[in-house]
C-alpha atoms as a PDB file:
ATOM      1  CA  MET A   1     -21.018  26.485 -30.843  1.00  0.00           C
ATOM      2  CA  SER A   2     -21.914  23.012 -29.556  1.00  0.00           C
ATOM      3  CA  GLU A   3     -19.340  20.537 -28.334  1.00  0.00           C
ATOM      4  CA  PHE A   4     -19.321  17.066 -29.955  1.00  0.00           C
ATOM      5  CA  LYS A   5     -19.787  14.211 -27.464  1.00  0.00           C
ATOM      6  CA  ALA A   6     -19.645  10.732 -28.952  1.00  0.00           C
ATOM      7  CA  TRP A   7     -21.806   7.881 -27.721  1.00  0.00           C
ATOM      8  CA  PRO A   8     -19.558   5.569 -25.634  1.00  0.00           C
ATOM      9  CA  LYS A   9     -18.540   2.183 -27.013  1.00  0.00           C
ATOM     10  CA  ILE A  10     -20.663  -0.688 -25.816  1.00  0.00           C
ATOM     11  CA  THR A  11     -18.775  -3.591 -24.263  1.00  0.00           C
ATOM     12  CA  ARG A  12     -18.983  -6.865 -26.203  1.00  0.00           C
ATOM     13  CA  ASP A  13     -18.106  -8.994 -23.186  1.00  0.00           C
ATOM     14  CA  ASN A  14     -20.835 -11.330 -21.936  1.00  0.00           C
ATOM     15  CA  PRO A  15     -22.556  -9.510 -19.021  1.00  0.00           C
ATOM     16  CA  PHE A  16     -23.328 -12.826 -17.322  1.00  0.00           C
ATOM     17  CA  ASN A  17     -19.650 -13.696 -16.910  1.00  0.00           C
ATOM     18  CA  ALA A  18     -19.141 -13.533 -13.164  1.00  0.00           C
ATOM     19  CA  THR A  19     -17.182 -14.577 -10.107  1.00  0.00           C
ATOM     20  CA  VAL A  20     -19.214 -15.729  -7.108  1.00  0.00           C
ATOM     21  CA  THR A  21     -17.678 -15.639  -3.634  1.00  0.00           C
ATOM     22  CA  GLU A  22     -19.026 -16.473  -0.221  1.00  0.00           C
ATOM     23  CA  LYS A  23     -20.381 -13.456   1.653  1.00  0.00           C
ATOM     24  CA  MET A  24     -18.438 -13.210   4.872  1.00  0.00           C
ATOM     25  CA  ASP A  25     -20.352 -11.682   7.797  1.00  0.00           C
ATOM     26  CA  GLY A  26     -18.154  -9.225   9.626  1.00  0.00           C
ATOM     27  CA  THR A  27     -17.329  -5.579   9.169  1.00  0.00           C
ATOM     28  CA  ASN A  28     -15.936  -3.931   6.059  1.00  0.00           C
ATOM     29  CA  GLY A  29     -12.303  -2.852   6.227  1.00  0.00           C
ATOM     30  CA  CYS A  30      -9.760  -1.276   3.949  1.00  0.00           C
ATOM     31  CA  ILE A  31      -6.000  -0.841   4.193  1.00  0.00           C
ATOM     32  CA  ILE A  32      -4.657   2.191   2.326  1.00  0.00           C
ATOM     33  CA  ILE A  33      -1.073   1.920   1.084  1.00  0.00           C
ATOM     34  CA  THR A  34       0.806   4.753  -0.633  1.00  0.00           C
ATOM     35  CA  ASP A  35       4.460   4.620  -1.710  1.00  0.00           C
ATOM     36  CA  GLY A  36       4.748   1.202  -0.059  1.00  0.00           C
ATOM     37  CA  VAL A  37       3.604   2.437   3.367  1.00  0.00           C
ATOM     38  CA  VAL A  38       0.298   1.935   5.204  1.00  0.00           C
ATOM     39  CA  VAL A  39      -1.080   5.477   5.417  1.00  0.00           C
ATOM     40  CA  GLY A  40      -4.634   4.790   6.552  1.00  0.00           C
ATOM     41  CA  VAL A  41      -7.251   2.301   7.617  1.00  0.00           C
ATOM     42  CA  GLN A  42     -10.960   2.633   7.103  1.00  0.00           C
ATOM     43  CA  SER A  43     -14.288   0.986   7.747  1.00  0.00           C
ATOM     44  CA  ARG A  44     -17.161   1.159   5.268  1.00  0.00           C
ATOM     45  CA  LYS A  45     -18.072   4.714   6.271  1.00  0.00           C
ATOM     46  CA  ARG A  46     -15.031   6.393   7.814  1.00  0.00           C
ATOM     47  CA  LEU A  47     -11.316   6.460   8.474  1.00  0.00           C
ATOM     48  CA  ILE A  48     -10.496   4.663  11.704  1.00  0.00           C
ATOM     49  CA  THR A  49      -7.603   4.988  14.160  1.00  0.00           C
ATOM     50  CA  LEU A  50      -6.214   3.161  17.183  1.00  0.00           C
ATOM     51  CA  GLU A  51      -8.177   5.591  19.366  1.00  0.00           C
ATOM     52  CA  ASP A  52     -11.396   4.994  17.409  1.00  0.00           C
ATOM     53  CA  ASP A  53     -10.918   1.410  16.178  1.00  0.00           C
ATOM     54  CA  ASN A  54     -13.458  -0.954  14.636  1.00  0.00           C
ATOM     55  CA  HIS A  55     -13.334  -4.346  16.393  1.00  0.00           C
ATOM     56  CA  GLY A  56      -9.524  -4.154  16.645  1.00  0.00           C
ATOM     57  CA  PHE A  57      -8.904  -3.830  12.897  1.00  0.00           C
ATOM     58  CA  VAL A  58      -6.471  -0.897  13.170  1.00  0.00           C
ATOM     59  CA  ALA A  59      -4.556  -2.667  15.949  1.00  0.00           C
ATOM     60  CA  TRP A  60      -4.300  -5.779  13.739  1.00  0.00           C
ATOM     61  CA  VAL A  61      -3.063  -3.676  10.799  1.00  0.00           C
ATOM     62  CA  GLU A  62      -0.390  -2.126  13.046  1.00  0.00           C
ATOM     63  CA  GLU A  63       0.716  -5.586  14.262  1.00  0.00           C
ATOM     64  CA  ASN A  64       0.975  -6.835  10.661  1.00  0.00           C
ATOM     65  CA  ARG A  65       2.146  -3.609   9.011  1.00  0.00           C
ATOM     66  CA  GLU A  66       5.364  -4.983   7.501  1.00  0.00           C
ATOM     67  CA  ALA A  67       3.628  -7.954   5.850  1.00  0.00           C
ATOM     68  CA  LEU A  68       0.674  -5.848   4.667  1.00  0.00           C
ATOM     69  CA  GLU A  69       2.919  -3.286   2.984  1.00  0.00           C
ATOM     70  CA  THR A  70       4.075  -6.007   0.559  1.00  0.00           C
ATOM     71  CA  MET A  71       0.608  -5.802  -1.058  1.00  0.00           C
ATOM     72  CA  GLY A  72       1.635  -2.644  -2.862  1.00  0.00           C
ATOM     73  CA  ASP A  73      -0.049   0.702  -3.316  1.00  0.00           C
ATOM     74  CA  GLY A  74      -3.809   0.941  -3.371  1.00  0.00           C
ATOM     75  CA  TYR A  75      -6.983   0.588  -1.371  1.00  0.00           C
ATOM     76  CA  HIS A  76      -7.187  -3.042  -0.260  1.00  0.00           C
ATOM     77  CA  TYR A  77     -10.802  -3.822   0.671  1.00  0.00           C
ATOM     78  CA  GLY A  78     -11.985  -6.829   2.595  1.00  0.00           C
ATOM     79  CA  GLU A  79     -14.089  -8.168   5.454  1.00  0.00           C
ATOM     80  CA  TRP A  80     -12.784  -8.171   9.030  1.00  0.00           C
ATOM     81  CA  ALA A  81     -14.572 -11.205  10.464  1.00  0.00           C
ATOM     82  CA  GLY A  82     -14.394 -13.638  13.313  1.00  0.00           C
ATOM     83  CA  LEU A  83     -14.755 -13.970  17.041  1.00  0.00           C
ATOM     84  CA  GLY A  84     -16.588 -10.974  18.542  1.00  0.00           C
ATOM     85  CA  ILE A  85     -17.651  -9.450  15.194  1.00  0.00           C
ATOM     86  CA  GLN A  86     -21.315  -9.629  14.142  1.00  0.00           C
ATOM     87  CA  LYS A  87     -22.794 -13.105  14.607  1.00  0.00           C
ATOM     88  CA  ASN A  88     -19.566 -14.897  13.576  1.00  0.00           C
ATOM     89  CA  PRO A  89     -21.581 -17.313  11.396  1.00  0.00           C
ATOM     90  CA  HIS A  90     -18.457 -19.208  10.319  1.00  0.00           C
ATOM     91  CA  ALA A  91     -17.544 -19.913  13.955  1.00  0.00           C
ATOM     92  CA  LEU A  92     -14.051 -18.486  13.451  1.00  0.00           C
ATOM     93  CA  GLU A  93     -11.920 -18.853  16.570  1.00  0.00           C
ATOM     94  CA  ARG A  94      -9.999 -15.642  15.879  1.00  0.00           C
ATOM     95  CA  LYS A  95     -10.356 -12.572  13.698  1.00  0.00           C
ATOM     96  CA  HIS A  96      -9.341 -12.751  10.016  1.00  0.00           C
ATOM     97  CA  PHE A  97      -9.092 -10.207   7.210  1.00  0.00           C
ATOM     98  CA  PHE A  98     -10.608 -11.599   4.001  1.00  0.00           C
ATOM     99  CA  LEU A  99      -9.559  -9.642   0.909  1.00  0.00           C
ATOM    100  CA  PHE A 100     -12.303  -9.152  -1.706  1.00  0.00           C
ATOM    101  CA  ASN A 101     -10.383  -8.836  -4.978  1.00  0.00           C
ATOM    102  CA  THR A 102     -10.104 -12.527  -5.884  1.00  0.00           C
ATOM    103  CA  HIS A 103      -8.722 -11.740  -9.341  1.00  0.00           C
ATOM    104  CA  ARG A 104      -5.690 -10.120  -7.720  1.00  0.00           C
ATOM    105  CA  TRP A 105      -5.442 -11.980  -4.429  1.00  0.00           C
ATOM    106  CA  ASN A 106      -5.182 -15.702  -5.013  1.00  0.00           C
ATOM    107  CA  GLU A 107      -2.676 -18.470  -4.412  1.00  0.00           C
ATOM    108  CA  ASN A 108      -0.714 -17.363  -7.495  1.00  0.00           C
ATOM    109  CA  ASN A 109       0.036 -13.890  -6.125  1.00  0.00           C
ATOM    110  CA  PRO A 110       3.370 -13.898  -4.270  1.00  0.00           C
ATOM    111  CA  ASN A 111       2.443 -10.611  -2.551  1.00  0.00           C
ATOM    112  CA  LEU A 112      -0.506 -12.078  -0.645  1.00  0.00           C
ATOM    113  CA  PRO A 113       0.515 -11.684   2.997  1.00  0.00           C
ATOM    114  CA  SER A 114       0.224 -14.817   5.107  1.00  0.00           C
ATOM    115  CA  CYS A 115      -1.759 -12.802   7.674  1.00  0.00           C
ATOM    116  CA  CYS A 116      -4.586 -12.294   5.145  1.00  0.00           C
ATOM    117  CA  ASP A 117      -7.194 -14.630   3.748  1.00  0.00           C
ATOM    118  CA  VAL A 118      -9.224 -14.211   0.555  1.00  0.00           C
ATOM    119  CA  VAL A 119     -12.996 -14.604   0.334  1.00  0.00           C
ATOM    120  CA  PRO A 120     -13.724 -18.150  -0.911  1.00  0.00           C
ATOM    121  CA  VAL A 121     -14.480 -18.365  -4.650  1.00  0.00           C
ATOM    122  CA  LEU A 122     -17.467 -20.644  -5.236  1.00  0.00           C
ATOM    123  CA  PHE A 123     -17.914 -20.199  -9.000  1.00  0.00           C
ATOM    124  CA  GLN A 124     -16.380 -18.490 -12.036  1.00  0.00           C
ATOM    125  CA  GLY A 125     -17.961 -18.466 -15.475  1.00  0.00           C
ATOM    126  CA  ILE A 126     -21.243 -17.820 -17.227  1.00  0.00           C
ATOM    127  CA  LEU A 127     -23.794 -17.211 -14.470  1.00  0.00           C
ATOM    128  CA  SER A 128     -27.504 -17.969 -14.254  1.00  0.00           C
ATOM    129  CA  ALA A 129     -30.098 -17.556 -11.516  1.00  0.00           C
ATOM    130  CA  GLU A 130     -30.120 -21.348 -11.147  1.00  0.00           C
ATOM    131  CA  ILE A 131     -26.396 -21.421 -10.384  1.00  0.00           C
ATOM    132  CA  VAL A 132     -26.810 -18.760  -7.690  1.00  0.00           C
ATOM    133  CA  GLU A 133     -29.671 -20.738  -6.143  1.00  0.00           C
ATOM    134  CA  GLN A 134     -27.586 -23.951  -6.211  1.00  0.00           C
ATOM    135  CA  LEU A 135     -24.657 -22.188  -4.538  1.00  0.00           C
ATOM    136  CA  LEU A 136     -26.897 -20.821  -1.778  1.00  0.00           C
ATOM    137  CA  ILE A 137     -28.404 -24.247  -1.155  1.00  0.00           C
ATOM    138  CA  GLY A 138     -24.925 -25.804  -1.166  1.00  0.00           C
ATOM    139  CA  LEU A 139     -23.666 -23.326   1.426  1.00  0.00           C
ATOM    140  CA  GLN A 140     -26.528 -24.231   3.733  1.00  0.00           C
ATOM    141  CA  GLU A 141     -26.243 -27.977   3.220  1.00  0.00           C
ATOM    142  CA  ASN A 142     -22.462 -28.054   3.643  1.00  0.00           C
ATOM    143  CA  ALA A 143     -22.233 -25.755   6.670  1.00  0.00           C
ATOM    144  CA  ALA A 144     -20.976 -27.294   9.869  1.00  0.00           C
ATOM    145  CA  GLU A 145     -23.464 -27.582  12.723  1.00  0.00           C
ATOM    146  CA  ASN A 146     -22.265 -24.356  14.373  1.00  0.00           C
ATOM    147  CA  GLN A 147     -22.070 -22.370  11.115  1.00  0.00           C
ATOM    148  CA  THR A 148     -24.755 -20.237   9.481  1.00  0.00           C
ATOM    149  CA  PRO A 149     -23.490 -18.905   6.137  1.00  0.00           C
ATOM    150  CA  GLU A 150     -25.063 -15.636   5.032  1.00  0.00           C
ATOM    151  CA  GLY A 151     -25.002 -15.894   1.251  1.00  0.00           C
ATOM    152  CA  VAL A 152     -22.936 -15.020  -1.805  1.00  0.00           C
ATOM    153  CA  VAL A 153     -21.519 -11.979  -3.565  1.00  0.00           C
ATOM    154  CA  VAL A 154     -21.517 -11.897  -7.362  1.00  0.00           C
ATOM    155  CA  TYR A 155     -18.921  -9.782  -9.182  1.00  0.00           C
ATOM    156  CA  TYR A 156     -19.556  -8.845 -12.822  1.00  0.00           C
ATOM    157  CA  PRO A 157     -16.142  -7.794 -14.220  1.00  0.00           C
ATOM    158  CA  THR A 158     -17.660  -6.246 -17.350  1.00  0.00           C
ATOM    159  CA  PHE A 159     -19.467  -3.652 -15.238  1.00  0.00           C
ATOM    160  CA  ARG A 160     -17.215  -3.699 -12.171  1.00  0.00           C
ATOM    161  CA  GLN A 161     -20.400  -4.237 -10.167  1.00  0.00           C
ATOM    162  CA  TYR A 162     -21.276  -6.420  -7.194  1.00  0.00           C
ATOM    163  CA  THR A 163     -24.605  -7.899  -6.111  1.00  0.00           C
ATOM    164  CA  LYS A 164     -25.324  -9.923  -2.996  1.00  0.00           C
ATOM    165  CA  HIS A 165     -27.738 -12.779  -2.512  1.00  0.00           C
ATOM    166  CA  THR A 166     -28.639 -14.055   0.937  1.00  0.00           C
ATOM    167  CA  ILE A 167     -29.816 -17.503   1.981  1.00  0.00           C
ATOM    168  CA  LYS A 168     -33.498 -18.182   2.454  1.00  0.00           C
ATOM    169  CA  SER A 169     -34.614 -18.735   6.012  1.00  0.00           C
ATOM    170  CA  PRO A 170     -36.344 -22.019   6.963  1.00  0.00           C
ATOM    171  CA  ASN A 171     -39.765 -20.380   6.350  1.00  0.00           C
ATOM    172  CA  GLY A 172     -38.810 -19.727   2.711  1.00  0.00           C
ATOM    173  CA  LYS A 173     -38.437 -15.950   2.982  1.00  0.00           C
ATOM    174  CA  TRP A 174     -35.213 -14.227   1.974  1.00  0.00           C
ATOM    175  CA  CYS A 175     -33.088 -12.997   4.827  1.00  0.00           C
ATOM    176  CA  LYS A 176     -32.749  -9.238   5.117  1.00  0.00           C
ATOM    177  CA  GLU A 177     -29.915  -7.704   3.105  1.00  0.00           C
ATOM    178  CA  ALA A 178     -27.042  -6.448   5.227  1.00  0.00           C
END
């Protein structure tokens, strides 16, 4: 006998509702907390340790363990960026951990550790291609002389999906995706 499988409900939310943040150029990092304790640290592709660190991220987590554990259980993803990581396009004088989840980590969350930053939110609302283009142009025009912003990341909460858009180079061609 066949098993009944219903067609899933289709979300009524507007798919163009989005949050746009600045794309930080560094290396992906994640702090894993279980039962209120840091139990692991990872890069985009692997677990990392003090012996096999990624630009000092594990060492920084160890130094800030007590503050980071206040974030609560979960996988806390972000970008480890700054001096000595990638091209450091924001000319950061030291390394910073920028958390990605701007809906959770904002100035209203009392559990945001002071040792962490949050990726800058540039726009929230109904998104269009024109808005993305304006944000990219604005990043370029407002960058300090020693800064070269990379682009933006768009989060669509309806789909729990991210897309990235990079700034056009002076010759009008899109920069390569990271």
